[in-house]
């Protein structure tokens, strides 16, 4: 149970947007405070959705032996959603910028442009809207026959992994602030060019894994 949940959490943690936002906040006037607020928003979103999803799945009795088919049906459904999302992103490649008609900034971009506790917290909530991979990790935990303490520990681990691309840069910044900012800025350009493909790849991998598990469980 634990290994499977961690695997899906690692796929969910692949978030170029989180790195881009961290790079912007760690270069702001109050880098650590602003990024900590961003982390707070990310944790709040993942914990709230994680607890709600866990409670709903447990209330539906998916951890019971007799609910074997619905359990893997949910996993298959999540896989189809993840695979569809990945294929959509592959087909819908980012458009090159139009210099004659500048693209309207997204809500997250507008929040980043005004760094502060409230805007950073809101950015964390928006960037960390749970993915199918995160919900799959929670579903693995919810359907396992584990004690309350083990379930809480597994969910906490999944949340920590999901937001690791925020707290890791903060830790590095505490030790080597200038080097961390320099690396993140250099990494920024590569992420802007390849972030779309990275997210699409993560969705495709998660989709294939979930569909395989779902079909295997149902058959």
N, C-alpha and C. Protein backbone atom coordinates (compact mmCIF):
# COMPACT_ATOMS: atom_id res chain seq x y z
N UNK A 1 0.84 -1.21 0.00
CA UNK A 1 0.00 0.00 0.00
C UNK A 1 0.86 1.25 0.00
N UNK A 2 1.82 1.30 0.94
CA UNK A 2 2.63 2.49 1.11
C UNK A 2 3.46 2.79 -0.14
N UNK A 3 4.09 1.76 -0.72
CA UNK A 3 4.95 1.96 -1.88
C UNK A 3 4.15 2.46 -3.08
N UNK A 4 2.97 1.91 -3.28
CA UNK A 4 2.13 2.34 -4.41
C UNK A 4 1.67 3.77 -4.24
N UNK A 5 1.28 4.14 -3.01
CA UNK A 5 0.83 5.51 -2.75
C UNK A 5 1.98 6.50 -2.95
N UNK A 6 3.18 6.13 -2.51
CA UNK A 6 4.35 7.00 -2.68
C UNK A 6 4.66 7.18 -4.17
N UNK A 7 4.54 6.11 -4.94
CA UNK A 7 4.80 6.20 -6.37
C UNK A 7 3.88 7.18 -7.06
N UNK A 8 2.58 7.11 -6.76
CA UNK A 8 1.64 8.06 -7.36
C UNK A 8 1.87 9.48 -6.84
N UNK A 9 2.27 9.60 -5.58
CA UNK A 9 2.56 10.93 -5.02
C UNK A 9 3.75 11.57 -5.72
N UNK A 10 4.76 10.76 -6.06
CA UNK A 10 5.92 11.29 -6.77
C UNK A 10 5.53 11.79 -8.16
N UNK A 11 4.64 11.06 -8.83
CA UNK A 11 4.15 11.53 -10.12
C UNK A 11 3.36 12.83 -9.96
N UNK A 12 2.57 12.91 -8.88
CA UNK A 12 1.79 14.13 -8.64
C UNK A 12 2.69 15.32 -8.33
N UNK A 13 3.87 15.04 -7.76
CA UNK A 13 4.78 16.12 -7.37
C UNK A 13 5.47 16.78 -8.55
N UNK A 14 5.40 16.16 -9.73
CA UNK A 14 6.05 16.74 -10.91
C UNK A 14 5.25 17.96 -11.34
N UNK A 15 5.69 19.12 -10.91
CA UNK A 15 4.96 20.37 -11.14
C UNK A 15 5.93 21.49 -11.53
N UNK A 16 6.16 21.68 -12.84
CA UNK A 16 7.00 22.80 -13.27
C UNK A 16 6.49 24.14 -12.75
N UNK A 17 5.16 24.27 -12.63
CA UNK A 17 4.59 25.54 -12.15
C UNK A 17 5.08 25.85 -10.74
N UNK A 18 5.19 24.83 -9.89
CA UNK A 18 5.64 25.04 -8.51
C UNK A 18 7.06 25.59 -8.49
N UNK A 19 7.94 25.04 -9.34
CA UNK A 19 9.33 25.52 -9.41
C UNK A 19 9.38 26.95 -9.93
N UNK A 20 8.58 27.26 -10.94
CA UNK A 20 8.58 28.60 -11.52
C UNK A 20 8.12 29.63 -10.48
N UNK A 21 7.09 29.27 -9.72
CA UNK A 21 6.59 30.19 -8.69
C UNK A 21 7.62 30.36 -7.58
N UNK A 22 8.24 29.25 -7.17
CA UNK A 22 9.28 29.32 -6.13
C UNK A 22 10.43 30.21 -6.57
N UNK A 23 10.84 30.08 -7.83
CA UNK A 23 11.93 30.90 -8.34
C UNK A 23 11.57 32.38 -8.27
N UNK A 24 10.32 32.70 -8.58
CA UNK A 24 9.89 34.10 -8.53
C UNK A 24 9.83 34.61 -7.09
N UNK A 25 9.29 33.79 -6.19
CA UNK A 25 9.15 34.24 -4.80
C UNK A 25 10.49 34.30 -4.07
N UNK A 26 11.40 33.39 -4.38
CA UNK A 26 12.70 33.41 -3.72
C UNK A 26 13.59 34.54 -4.22
N UNK A 27 13.14 35.21 -5.27
CA UNK A 27 13.86 36.38 -5.77
C UNK A 27 13.16 37.68 -5.38
N UNK A 28 12.10 37.58 -4.57
CA UNK A 28 11.33 38.76 -4.17
C UNK A 28 11.98 39.47 -2.99
N UNK A 29 11.35 40.54 -2.54
CA UNK A 29 11.91 41.34 -1.44
C UNK A 29 11.94 40.54 -0.13
N UNK A 30 10.92 39.71 0.11
CA UNK A 30 10.88 38.86 1.31
C UNK A 30 10.80 37.40 0.87
N UNK A 31 11.92 36.86 0.41
CA UNK A 31 11.87 35.55 -0.26
C UNK A 31 11.35 34.41 0.60
N UNK A 32 11.88 34.24 1.79
CA UNK A 32 11.49 33.09 2.60
C UNK A 32 10.08 33.21 3.14
N UNK A 33 9.72 34.39 3.62
CA UNK A 33 8.37 34.56 4.15
C UNK A 33 7.33 34.34 3.06
N UNK A 34 7.57 34.92 1.88
CA UNK A 34 6.60 34.79 0.78
C UNK A 34 6.49 33.34 0.33
N UNK A 35 7.62 32.66 0.21
CA UNK A 35 7.60 31.26 -0.24
C UNK A 35 6.97 30.36 0.81
N UNK A 36 7.15 30.67 2.08
CA UNK A 36 6.50 29.89 3.14
C UNK A 36 4.98 30.03 3.07
N UNK A 37 4.50 31.21 2.73
CA UNK A 37 3.06 31.40 2.55
C UNK A 37 2.56 30.61 1.34
N UNK A 38 3.38 30.57 0.29
CA UNK A 38 3.06 29.75 -0.88
C UNK A 38 2.97 28.27 -0.47
N UNK A 39 3.92 27.82 0.35
CA UNK A 39 3.91 26.45 0.86
C UNK A 39 2.68 26.20 1.72
N UNK A 40 2.31 27.18 2.54
CA UNK A 40 1.12 27.03 3.39
C UNK A 40 -0.14 26.83 2.55
N UNK A 41 -0.25 27.59 1.47
CA UNK A 41 -1.40 27.42 0.57
C UNK A 41 -1.40 26.05 -0.09
N UNK A 42 -0.22 25.60 -0.51
CA UNK A 42 -0.11 24.29 -1.15
C UNK A 42 -0.49 23.17 -0.19
N UNK A 43 0.00 23.24 1.04
CA UNK A 43 -0.31 22.22 2.04
C UNK A 43 -1.80 22.24 2.38
N UNK A 44 -2.35 23.43 2.55
CA UNK A 44 -3.78 23.54 2.87
C UNK A 44 -4.64 22.88 1.81
N UNK A 45 -4.35 23.17 0.55
CA UNK A 45 -5.13 22.58 -0.54
C UNK A 45 -5.01 21.06 -0.56
N UNK A 46 -3.78 20.54 -0.48
CA UNK A 46 -3.59 19.10 -0.56
C UNK A 46 -4.17 18.37 0.65
N UNK A 47 -4.03 18.95 1.83
CA UNK A 47 -4.57 18.31 3.03
C UNK A 47 -6.09 18.29 2.99
N UNK A 48 -6.70 19.41 2.67
CA UNK A 48 -8.17 19.49 2.65
C UNK A 48 -8.75 18.50 1.63
N UNK A 49 -8.23 18.53 0.40
CA UNK A 49 -8.74 17.62 -0.62
C UNK A 49 -8.41 16.17 -0.27
N UNK A 50 -7.22 15.95 0.28
CA UNK A 50 -6.84 14.59 0.66
C UNK A 50 -7.76 14.01 1.72
N UNK A 51 -8.06 14.80 2.75
CA UNK A 51 -8.94 14.33 3.83
C UNK A 51 -10.36 14.11 3.31
N UNK A 52 -10.85 15.03 2.48
CA UNK A 52 -12.20 14.88 1.92
C UNK A 52 -12.30 13.62 1.05
N UNK A 53 -11.31 13.44 0.16
CA UNK A 53 -11.32 12.27 -0.70
C UNK A 53 -11.22 10.99 0.11
N UNK A 54 -10.35 10.99 1.12
CA UNK A 54 -10.19 9.80 1.97
C UNK A 54 -11.48 9.48 2.69
N UNK A 55 -12.12 10.52 3.24
CA UNK A 55 -13.38 10.30 3.97
C UNK A 55 -14.47 9.76 3.05
N UNK A 56 -14.57 10.32 1.84
CA UNK A 56 -15.60 9.87 0.91
C UNK A 56 -15.37 8.43 0.47
N UNK A 57 -14.12 8.10 0.20
CA UNK A 57 -13.81 6.74 -0.23
C UNK A 57 -14.05 5.73 0.89
N UNK A 58 -13.67 6.12 2.11
CA UNK A 58 -13.92 5.22 3.25
C UNK A 58 -15.42 5.11 3.53
N UNK A 59 -16.15 6.22 3.39
CA UNK A 59 -17.60 6.19 3.62
C UNK A 59 -18.29 5.29 2.59
N UNK A 60 -17.70 5.23 1.39
CA UNK A 60 -18.26 4.36 0.35
C UNK A 60 -17.93 2.90 0.55
N UNK A 61 -17.13 2.60 1.56
CA UNK A 61 -16.80 1.21 1.88
C UNK A 61 -15.84 0.55 0.93
N UNK A 62 -15.02 1.35 0.21
CA UNK A 62 -14.11 0.76 -0.78
C UNK A 62 -12.97 -0.03 -0.14
N UNK A 63 -12.78 0.13 1.18
CA UNK A 63 -11.73 -0.66 1.84
C UNK A 63 -12.23 -2.04 2.24
N UNK A 64 -13.53 -2.27 2.10
CA UNK A 64 -14.09 -3.57 2.48
C UNK A 64 -13.80 -4.62 1.41
N UNK A 65 -13.55 -5.87 1.82
CA UNK A 65 -13.24 -6.93 0.87
C UNK A 65 -14.33 -7.12 -0.19
N UNK A 66 -15.58 -6.91 0.19
CA UNK A 66 -16.69 -7.11 -0.75
C UNK A 66 -16.79 -6.04 -1.81
N UNK A 67 -16.06 -4.96 -1.68
CA UNK A 67 -16.13 -3.86 -2.65
C UNK A 67 -14.91 -3.86 -3.56
N UNK A 68 -14.46 -5.04 -3.92
CA UNK A 68 -13.28 -5.18 -4.76
C UNK A 68 -13.49 -4.54 -6.13
N UNK A 69 -14.65 -4.78 -6.75
CA UNK A 69 -14.91 -4.25 -8.10
C UNK A 69 -15.00 -2.73 -8.12
N UNK A 70 -15.80 -2.09 -7.21
CA UNK A 70 -15.82 -0.61 -7.20
C UNK A 70 -14.46 0.01 -6.94
N UNK A 71 -13.65 -0.66 -6.10
CA UNK A 71 -12.33 -0.14 -5.76
C UNK A 71 -11.47 0.02 -7.01
N UNK A 72 -11.42 -1.05 -7.81
CA UNK A 72 -10.60 -0.99 -9.02
C UNK A 72 -11.30 -0.24 -10.15
N UNK A 73 -12.61 -0.13 -10.05
CA UNK A 73 -13.33 0.69 -11.02
C UNK A 73 -12.96 2.17 -10.87
N UNK A 74 -12.85 2.62 -9.62
CA UNK A 74 -12.42 3.99 -9.35
C UNK A 74 -11.01 4.21 -9.88
N UNK A 75 -10.13 3.25 -9.66
CA UNK A 75 -8.75 3.37 -10.12
C UNK A 75 -8.69 3.42 -11.65
N UNK A 76 -9.52 2.61 -12.30
CA UNK A 76 -9.58 2.62 -13.75
C UNK A 76 -10.09 3.97 -14.26
N UNK A 77 -11.11 4.52 -13.58
CA UNK A 77 -11.65 5.81 -13.97
C UNK A 77 -10.62 6.93 -13.85
N UNK A 78 -9.85 6.92 -12.76
CA UNK A 78 -8.79 7.91 -12.58
C UNK A 78 -7.73 7.77 -13.67
N UNK A 79 -7.44 6.52 -14.05
CA UNK A 79 -6.46 6.28 -15.10
C UNK A 79 -6.92 6.83 -16.44
N UNK A 80 -8.19 6.63 -16.74
CA UNK A 80 -8.74 7.15 -17.99
C UNK A 80 -8.66 8.68 -18.01
N UNK A 81 -8.99 9.31 -16.88
CA UNK A 81 -8.91 10.78 -16.79
C UNK A 81 -7.47 11.27 -16.98
N UNK A 82 -6.52 10.60 -16.31
CA UNK A 82 -5.12 11.00 -16.42
C UNK A 82 -4.61 10.81 -17.84
N UNK A 83 -4.94 9.68 -18.45
CA UNK A 83 -4.49 9.40 -19.82
C UNK A 83 -5.10 10.39 -20.80
N UNK A 84 -6.39 10.69 -20.62
CA UNK A 84 -7.04 11.66 -21.50
C UNK A 84 -6.41 13.04 -21.36
N UNK A 85 -6.09 13.42 -20.11
CA UNK A 85 -5.44 14.71 -19.88
C UNK A 85 -4.07 14.77 -20.54
N UNK A 86 -3.31 13.67 -20.43
CA UNK A 86 -1.98 13.63 -21.04
C UNK A 86 -2.06 13.70 -22.56
N UNK A 87 -2.98 12.95 -23.15
CA UNK A 87 -3.14 12.97 -24.61
C UNK A 87 -3.60 14.34 -25.10
N UNK A 88 -4.48 14.97 -24.32
CA UNK A 88 -4.94 16.32 -24.69
C UNK A 88 -3.77 17.30 -24.70
N UNK A 89 -2.89 17.20 -23.69
CA UNK A 89 -1.74 18.10 -23.63
C UNK A 89 -0.75 17.82 -24.75
N UNK A 90 -0.61 16.54 -25.13
CA UNK A 90 0.30 16.19 -26.24
C UNK A 90 -0.20 16.79 -27.54
N UNK A 91 -1.52 16.69 -27.76
CA UNK A 91 -2.10 17.20 -29.01
C UNK A 91 -2.15 18.73 -29.03
N UNK A 92 -2.38 19.32 -27.85
CA UNK A 92 -2.53 20.78 -27.78
C UNK A 92 -1.21 21.39 -27.29
N UNK A 93 -0.27 21.53 -28.20
CA UNK A 93 1.03 22.07 -27.86
C UNK A 93 0.93 23.58 -27.62
N UNK A 94 1.79 24.13 -26.76
CA UNK A 94 1.73 25.57 -26.48
C UNK A 94 1.97 26.40 -27.75
N UNK A 95 1.19 27.44 -27.89
CA UNK A 95 1.35 28.30 -29.05
C UNK A 95 2.52 29.26 -28.84
N UNK A 96 3.26 29.54 -29.92
CA UNK A 96 4.34 30.52 -29.78
C UNK A 96 3.77 31.90 -29.47
N UNK A 97 4.49 32.71 -28.70
CA UNK A 97 3.97 34.02 -28.34
C UNK A 97 3.73 34.92 -29.55
N UNK A 98 2.61 35.61 -29.53
CA UNK A 98 2.25 36.56 -30.59
C UNK A 98 2.63 37.96 -30.12
N UNK A 99 3.67 38.52 -30.72
CA UNK A 99 4.17 39.83 -30.29
C UNK A 99 3.17 40.95 -30.59
N UNK A 100 2.33 40.75 -31.62
CA UNK A 100 1.35 41.77 -31.98
C UNK A 100 0.15 41.76 -31.03
N UNK A 101 -0.09 40.60 -30.41
CA UNK A 101 -1.23 40.46 -29.49
C UNK A 101 -0.75 39.72 -28.25
N UNK A 102 -0.19 40.43 -27.27
CA UNK A 102 0.35 39.79 -26.06
C UNK A 102 -0.72 38.97 -25.34
N UNK A 103 -0.28 37.82 -24.81
CA UNK A 103 -1.19 36.94 -24.08
C UNK A 103 -1.57 37.54 -22.74
N UNK A 104 -2.85 37.43 -22.41
CA UNK A 104 -3.33 37.95 -21.13
C UNK A 104 -2.74 37.13 -19.99
N UNK A 105 -2.16 37.79 -18.97
CA UNK A 105 -1.55 37.05 -17.85
C UNK A 105 -2.59 36.19 -17.12
N UNK A 106 -2.16 35.00 -16.72
CA UNK A 106 -3.05 34.13 -15.96
C UNK A 106 -3.23 34.67 -14.54
N UNK A 107 -4.19 34.08 -13.82
CA UNK A 107 -4.44 34.52 -12.45
C UNK A 107 -3.21 34.28 -11.58
N UNK A 108 -2.55 33.13 -11.77
CA UNK A 108 -1.34 32.85 -10.99
C UNK A 108 -0.25 33.86 -11.29
N UNK A 109 -0.10 34.23 -12.56
CA UNK A 109 0.92 35.22 -12.94
C UNK A 109 0.64 36.57 -12.28
N UNK A 110 -0.64 36.93 -12.20
CA UNK A 110 -1.00 38.20 -11.57
C UNK A 110 -0.74 38.15 -10.06
N UNK A 111 -0.94 36.98 -9.46
CA UNK A 111 -0.66 36.84 -8.03
C UNK A 111 0.84 36.92 -7.75
N UNK A 112 1.63 36.30 -8.63
CA UNK A 112 3.09 36.33 -8.47
C UNK A 112 3.61 37.75 -8.60
N UNK A 113 2.99 38.52 -9.47
CA UNK A 113 3.45 39.90 -9.70
C UNK A 113 3.25 40.79 -8.48
N UNK A 114 2.40 40.36 -7.53
CA UNK A 114 2.16 41.13 -6.30
C UNK A 114 2.47 40.25 -5.10
N UNK A 115 3.76 39.93 -4.90
CA UNK A 115 4.13 39.01 -3.81
C UNK A 115 3.76 39.54 -2.43
N UNK A 116 3.10 38.71 -1.66
CA UNK A 116 2.68 39.05 -0.31
C UNK A 116 2.06 37.83 0.32
N UNK A 117 1.78 37.84 1.61
CA UNK A 117 1.22 36.65 2.28
C UNK A 117 -0.08 36.14 1.65
N UNK A 118 -1.02 37.04 1.40
CA UNK A 118 -2.33 36.62 0.87
C UNK A 118 -2.21 36.09 -0.56
N UNK A 119 -1.48 36.82 -1.41
CA UNK A 119 -1.37 36.40 -2.81
C UNK A 119 -0.54 35.12 -2.94
N UNK A 120 0.50 34.99 -2.11
CA UNK A 120 1.32 33.78 -2.15
C UNK A 120 0.51 32.56 -1.69
N UNK A 121 -0.29 32.73 -0.65
CA UNK A 121 -1.15 31.65 -0.15
C UNK A 121 -2.14 31.24 -1.24
N UNK A 122 -2.76 32.24 -1.89
CA UNK A 122 -3.72 31.96 -2.96
C UNK A 122 -3.04 31.24 -4.13
N UNK A 123 -1.82 31.65 -4.45
CA UNK A 123 -1.08 30.99 -5.53
C UNK A 123 -0.81 29.53 -5.19
N UNK A 124 -0.49 29.24 -3.92
CA UNK A 124 -0.27 27.87 -3.50
C UNK A 124 -1.52 27.02 -3.64
N UNK A 125 -2.66 27.60 -3.31
CA UNK A 125 -3.93 26.88 -3.45
C UNK A 125 -4.22 26.57 -4.91
N UNK A 126 -4.00 27.54 -5.79
CA UNK A 126 -4.31 27.37 -7.21
C UNK A 126 -3.34 26.40 -7.90
N UNK A 127 -2.05 26.56 -7.62
CA UNK A 127 -1.05 25.71 -8.28
C UNK A 127 -1.20 24.25 -7.86
N UNK A 128 -1.62 24.02 -6.61
CA UNK A 128 -1.69 22.65 -6.10
C UNK A 128 -3.11 22.10 -6.07
N UNK A 129 -3.91 22.48 -7.05
CA UNK A 129 -5.18 21.78 -7.24
C UNK A 129 -4.85 20.31 -7.54
N UNK A 130 -5.38 19.37 -6.76
CA UNK A 130 -4.95 17.97 -6.87
C UNK A 130 -5.12 17.38 -8.27
N UNK A 131 -4.14 16.61 -8.67
CA UNK A 131 -4.17 15.92 -9.95
C UNK A 131 -4.73 14.51 -9.78
N UNK A 132 -4.91 13.82 -10.90
CA UNK A 132 -5.39 12.45 -10.85
C UNK A 132 -4.39 11.55 -10.12
N UNK A 133 -3.10 11.86 -10.25
CA UNK A 133 -2.07 11.07 -9.57
C UNK A 133 -2.19 11.20 -8.06
N UNK A 134 -2.44 12.43 -7.58
CA UNK A 134 -2.60 12.64 -6.14
C UNK A 134 -3.83 11.90 -5.63
N UNK A 135 -4.93 12.01 -6.37
CA UNK A 135 -6.16 11.32 -5.96
C UNK A 135 -5.97 9.81 -5.99
N UNK A 136 -5.15 9.33 -6.93
CA UNK A 136 -4.86 7.89 -6.97
C UNK A 136 -4.09 7.47 -5.73
N UNK A 137 -3.14 8.30 -5.29
CA UNK A 137 -2.39 7.99 -4.08
C UNK A 137 -3.32 7.92 -2.87
N UNK A 138 -4.24 8.86 -2.79
CA UNK A 138 -5.21 8.87 -1.68
C UNK A 138 -6.12 7.66 -1.77
N UNK A 139 -6.50 7.29 -2.99
CA UNK A 139 -7.38 6.14 -3.17
C UNK A 139 -6.70 4.85 -2.72
N UNK A 140 -5.40 4.73 -2.98
CA UNK A 140 -4.66 3.55 -2.53
C UNK A 140 -4.68 3.47 -1.00
N UNK A 141 -4.50 4.62 -0.34
CA UNK A 141 -4.52 4.66 1.12
C UNK A 141 -5.91 4.32 1.66
N UNK A 142 -6.93 4.93 1.02
CA UNK A 142 -8.30 4.76 1.50
C UNK A 142 -8.79 3.33 1.37
N UNK A 143 -8.32 2.61 0.38
CA UNK A 143 -8.82 1.25 0.15
C UNK A 143 -7.99 0.18 0.85
N UNK A 144 -6.94 0.61 1.54
CA UNK A 144 -6.11 -0.36 2.27
C UNK A 144 -6.71 -0.62 3.65
N UNK A 145 -6.57 -1.85 4.11
CA UNK A 145 -7.05 -2.18 5.46
C UNK A 145 -5.93 -1.85 6.45
N UNK A 146 -5.92 -0.59 6.88
CA UNK A 146 -4.86 -0.11 7.77
C UNK A 146 -5.48 0.60 8.96
N UNK A 147 -4.70 0.70 10.04
CA UNK A 147 -5.19 1.39 11.23
C UNK A 147 -5.29 2.89 10.97
N UNK A 148 -5.96 3.59 11.87
CA UNK A 148 -6.11 5.04 11.73
C UNK A 148 -4.74 5.73 11.74
N UNK A 149 -3.85 5.27 12.61
CA UNK A 149 -2.52 5.88 12.70
C UNK A 149 -1.72 5.66 11.42
N UNK A 150 -1.78 4.45 10.87
CA UNK A 150 -1.07 4.16 9.62
C UNK A 150 -1.66 4.95 8.46
N UNK A 151 -2.98 5.08 8.45
CA UNK A 151 -3.64 5.84 7.39
C UNK A 151 -3.24 7.31 7.44
N UNK A 152 -3.25 7.88 8.67
CA UNK A 152 -2.87 9.29 8.83
C UNK A 152 -1.42 9.51 8.44
N UNK A 153 -0.55 8.57 8.83
CA UNK A 153 0.86 8.69 8.48
C UNK A 153 1.10 8.60 6.98
N UNK A 154 0.38 7.68 6.33
CA UNK A 154 0.51 7.53 4.88
C UNK A 154 0.01 8.78 4.16
N UNK A 155 -1.11 9.34 4.61
CA UNK A 155 -1.64 10.54 3.98
C UNK A 155 -0.69 11.72 4.18
N UNK A 156 -0.13 11.86 5.38
CA UNK A 156 0.84 12.93 5.65
C UNK A 156 2.06 12.80 4.74
N UNK A 157 2.52 11.57 4.53
CA UNK A 157 3.67 11.34 3.66
C UNK A 157 3.36 11.73 2.23
N UNK A 158 2.18 11.39 1.76
CA UNK A 158 1.76 11.73 0.40
C UNK A 158 1.70 13.25 0.23
N UNK A 159 1.18 13.94 1.23
CA UNK A 159 1.10 15.41 1.17
C UNK A 159 2.50 16.02 1.12
N UNK A 160 3.40 15.52 1.97
CA UNK A 160 4.77 16.04 2.01
C UNK A 160 5.46 15.84 0.66
N UNK A 161 5.27 14.66 0.06
CA UNK A 161 5.88 14.39 -1.24
C UNK A 161 5.27 15.29 -2.31
N UNK A 162 3.96 15.46 -2.26
CA UNK A 162 3.26 16.25 -3.29
C UNK A 162 3.77 17.69 -3.34
N UNK A 163 4.13 18.27 -2.19
CA UNK A 163 4.58 19.68 -2.16
C UNK A 163 6.09 19.80 -2.03
N UNK A 164 6.83 18.73 -2.34
CA UNK A 164 8.27 18.76 -2.08
C UNK A 164 9.01 19.74 -2.99
N UNK A 165 8.45 20.09 -4.14
CA UNK A 165 9.11 21.06 -5.01
C UNK A 165 8.95 22.49 -4.51
N UNK A 166 8.30 22.63 -3.34
CA UNK A 166 8.24 23.93 -2.67
C UNK A 166 9.16 23.93 -1.46
N UNK A 167 9.03 22.91 -0.59
CA UNK A 167 9.86 22.94 0.63
C UNK A 167 11.33 22.62 0.37
N UNK A 168 11.63 21.86 -0.69
CA UNK A 168 13.03 21.60 -1.00
C UNK A 168 13.79 22.88 -1.38
N UNK A 169 13.25 23.71 -2.29
CA UNK A 169 13.93 24.98 -2.59
C UNK A 169 14.08 25.88 -1.36
N UNK A 170 13.09 25.85 -0.46
CA UNK A 170 13.18 26.66 0.75
C UNK A 170 14.36 26.18 1.60
N UNK A 171 14.50 24.87 1.76
CA UNK A 171 15.61 24.33 2.54
C UNK A 171 16.96 24.68 1.91
N UNK A 172 17.05 24.53 0.59
CA UNK A 172 18.29 24.89 -0.10
C UNK A 172 18.59 26.37 0.05
N UNK A 173 17.54 27.19 0.04
CA UNK A 173 17.71 28.64 0.16
C UNK A 173 18.24 29.01 1.54
N UNK A 174 17.83 28.25 2.55
CA UNK A 174 18.33 28.51 3.90
C UNK A 174 19.83 28.26 4.01
N UNK A 175 20.31 27.26 3.27
CA UNK A 175 21.73 26.90 3.32
C UNK A 175 22.56 27.74 2.36
N UNK A 176 22.11 27.82 1.09
CA UNK A 176 22.86 28.54 0.06
C UNK A 176 21.90 29.44 -0.71
N UNK A 177 21.52 30.58 -0.16
CA UNK A 177 20.51 31.43 -0.81
C UNK A 177 20.88 31.90 -2.22
N UNK A 178 22.08 32.43 -2.38
CA UNK A 178 22.48 32.96 -3.68
C UNK A 178 22.58 31.84 -4.73
N UNK A 179 23.18 30.72 -4.34
CA UNK A 179 23.32 29.60 -5.27
C UNK A 179 21.95 29.05 -5.66
N UNK A 180 21.04 28.97 -4.70
CA UNK A 180 19.69 28.46 -4.98
C UNK A 180 18.96 29.35 -5.97
N UNK A 181 19.02 30.67 -5.74
CA UNK A 181 18.37 31.60 -6.66
C UNK A 181 18.98 31.51 -8.05
N UNK A 182 20.28 31.37 -8.12
CA UNK A 182 20.97 31.29 -9.41
C UNK A 182 20.56 30.03 -10.17
N UNK A 183 20.51 28.91 -9.46
CA UNK A 183 20.14 27.64 -10.11
C UNK A 183 18.69 27.68 -10.58
N UNK A 184 17.81 28.20 -9.73
CA UNK A 184 16.40 28.26 -10.10
C UNK A 184 16.17 29.16 -11.30
N UNK A 185 16.87 30.29 -11.34
CA UNK A 185 16.74 31.19 -12.50
C UNK A 185 17.23 30.52 -13.77
N UNK A 186 18.36 29.80 -13.67
CA UNK A 186 18.89 29.11 -14.84
C UNK A 186 17.96 27.98 -15.29
N UNK A 187 17.32 27.32 -14.31
CA UNK A 187 16.41 26.21 -14.58
C UNK A 187 15.09 26.69 -15.15
N UNK A 188 14.77 27.96 -14.87
CA UNK A 188 13.50 28.54 -15.29
C UNK A 188 13.28 28.46 -16.79
N UNK A 189 14.31 28.87 -17.55
CA UNK A 189 14.18 28.88 -19.00
C UNK A 189 13.91 27.49 -19.56
N UNK A 190 14.63 26.50 -19.03
CA UNK A 190 14.43 25.12 -19.49
C UNK A 190 13.02 24.64 -19.16
N UNK A 191 12.54 24.98 -17.96
CA UNK A 191 11.20 24.56 -17.56
C UNK A 191 10.12 25.21 -18.43
N UNK A 192 10.30 26.48 -18.76
CA UNK A 192 9.32 27.16 -19.60
C UNK A 192 9.24 26.51 -20.98
N UNK A 193 10.37 25.98 -21.44
CA UNK A 193 10.40 25.36 -22.76
C UNK A 193 9.89 23.92 -22.74
N UNK A 194 10.11 23.22 -21.62
CA UNK A 194 9.79 21.79 -21.58
C UNK A 194 8.73 21.42 -20.53
N UNK A 195 8.25 22.39 -19.77
CA UNK A 195 7.29 22.09 -18.71
C UNK A 195 6.03 21.41 -19.22
N UNK A 196 5.53 21.85 -20.37
CA UNK A 196 4.32 21.27 -20.95
C UNK A 196 4.52 19.78 -21.22
N UNK A 197 5.66 19.43 -21.81
CA UNK A 197 5.96 18.03 -22.13
C UNK A 197 6.14 17.20 -20.87
N UNK A 198 6.74 17.80 -19.83
CA UNK A 198 6.97 17.07 -18.57
C UNK A 198 5.64 16.70 -17.92
N UNK A 199 4.73 17.66 -17.84
CA UNK A 199 3.42 17.41 -17.23
C UNK A 199 2.64 16.38 -18.04
N UNK A 200 2.68 16.52 -19.37
CA UNK A 200 1.98 15.56 -20.24
C UNK A 200 2.54 14.16 -20.03
N UNK A 201 3.86 14.04 -19.94
CA UNK A 201 4.48 12.73 -19.72
C UNK A 201 4.08 12.12 -18.39
N UNK A 202 4.04 12.94 -17.34
CA UNK A 202 3.64 12.44 -16.02
C UNK A 202 2.20 11.94 -16.03
N UNK A 203 1.32 12.67 -16.72
CA UNK A 203 -0.08 12.25 -16.81
C UNK A 203 -0.22 10.94 -17.59
N UNK A 204 0.55 10.81 -18.68
CA UNK A 204 0.48 9.59 -19.48
C UNK A 204 0.96 8.39 -18.68
N UNK A 205 2.06 8.55 -17.95
CA UNK A 205 2.59 7.44 -17.13
C UNK A 205 1.58 7.06 -16.06
N UNK A 206 1.04 8.07 -15.35
CA UNK A 206 0.06 7.79 -14.30
C UNK A 206 -1.17 7.11 -14.88
N UNK A 207 -1.61 7.60 -16.05
CA UNK A 207 -2.79 7.01 -16.69
C UNK A 207 -2.59 5.55 -17.04
N UNK A 208 -1.44 5.22 -17.63
CA UNK A 208 -1.16 3.84 -18.01
C UNK A 208 -1.08 2.94 -16.77
N UNK A 209 -0.41 3.42 -15.73
CA UNK A 209 -0.29 2.63 -14.50
C UNK A 209 -1.66 2.37 -13.87
N UNK A 210 -2.47 3.40 -13.78
CA UNK A 210 -3.78 3.26 -13.15
C UNK A 210 -4.71 2.37 -13.98
N UNK A 211 -4.68 2.54 -15.28
CA UNK A 211 -5.53 1.70 -16.14
C UNK A 211 -5.09 0.23 -16.04
N UNK A 212 -3.80 0.00 -16.02
CA UNK A 212 -3.28 -1.36 -15.89
C UNK A 212 -3.72 -1.99 -14.57
N UNK A 213 -3.56 -1.22 -13.46
CA UNK A 213 -3.99 -1.72 -12.16
C UNK A 213 -5.50 -1.96 -12.13
N UNK A 214 -6.25 -1.03 -12.71
CA UNK A 214 -7.70 -1.17 -12.70
C UNK A 214 -8.17 -2.39 -13.46
N UNK A 215 -7.63 -2.59 -14.67
CA UNK A 215 -8.02 -3.75 -15.49
C UNK A 215 -7.59 -5.05 -14.81
N UNK A 216 -6.36 -5.05 -14.26
CA UNK A 216 -5.86 -6.26 -13.58
C UNK A 216 -6.74 -6.61 -12.38
N UNK A 217 -7.14 -5.59 -11.61
CA UNK A 217 -7.99 -5.82 -10.45
C UNK A 217 -9.37 -6.29 -10.81
N UNK A 218 -9.90 -5.78 -11.91
CA UNK A 218 -11.26 -6.15 -12.32
C UNK A 218 -11.33 -7.53 -12.96
N UNK A 219 -10.20 -7.98 -13.49
CA UNK A 219 -10.19 -9.28 -14.15
C UNK A 219 -9.61 -10.36 -13.26
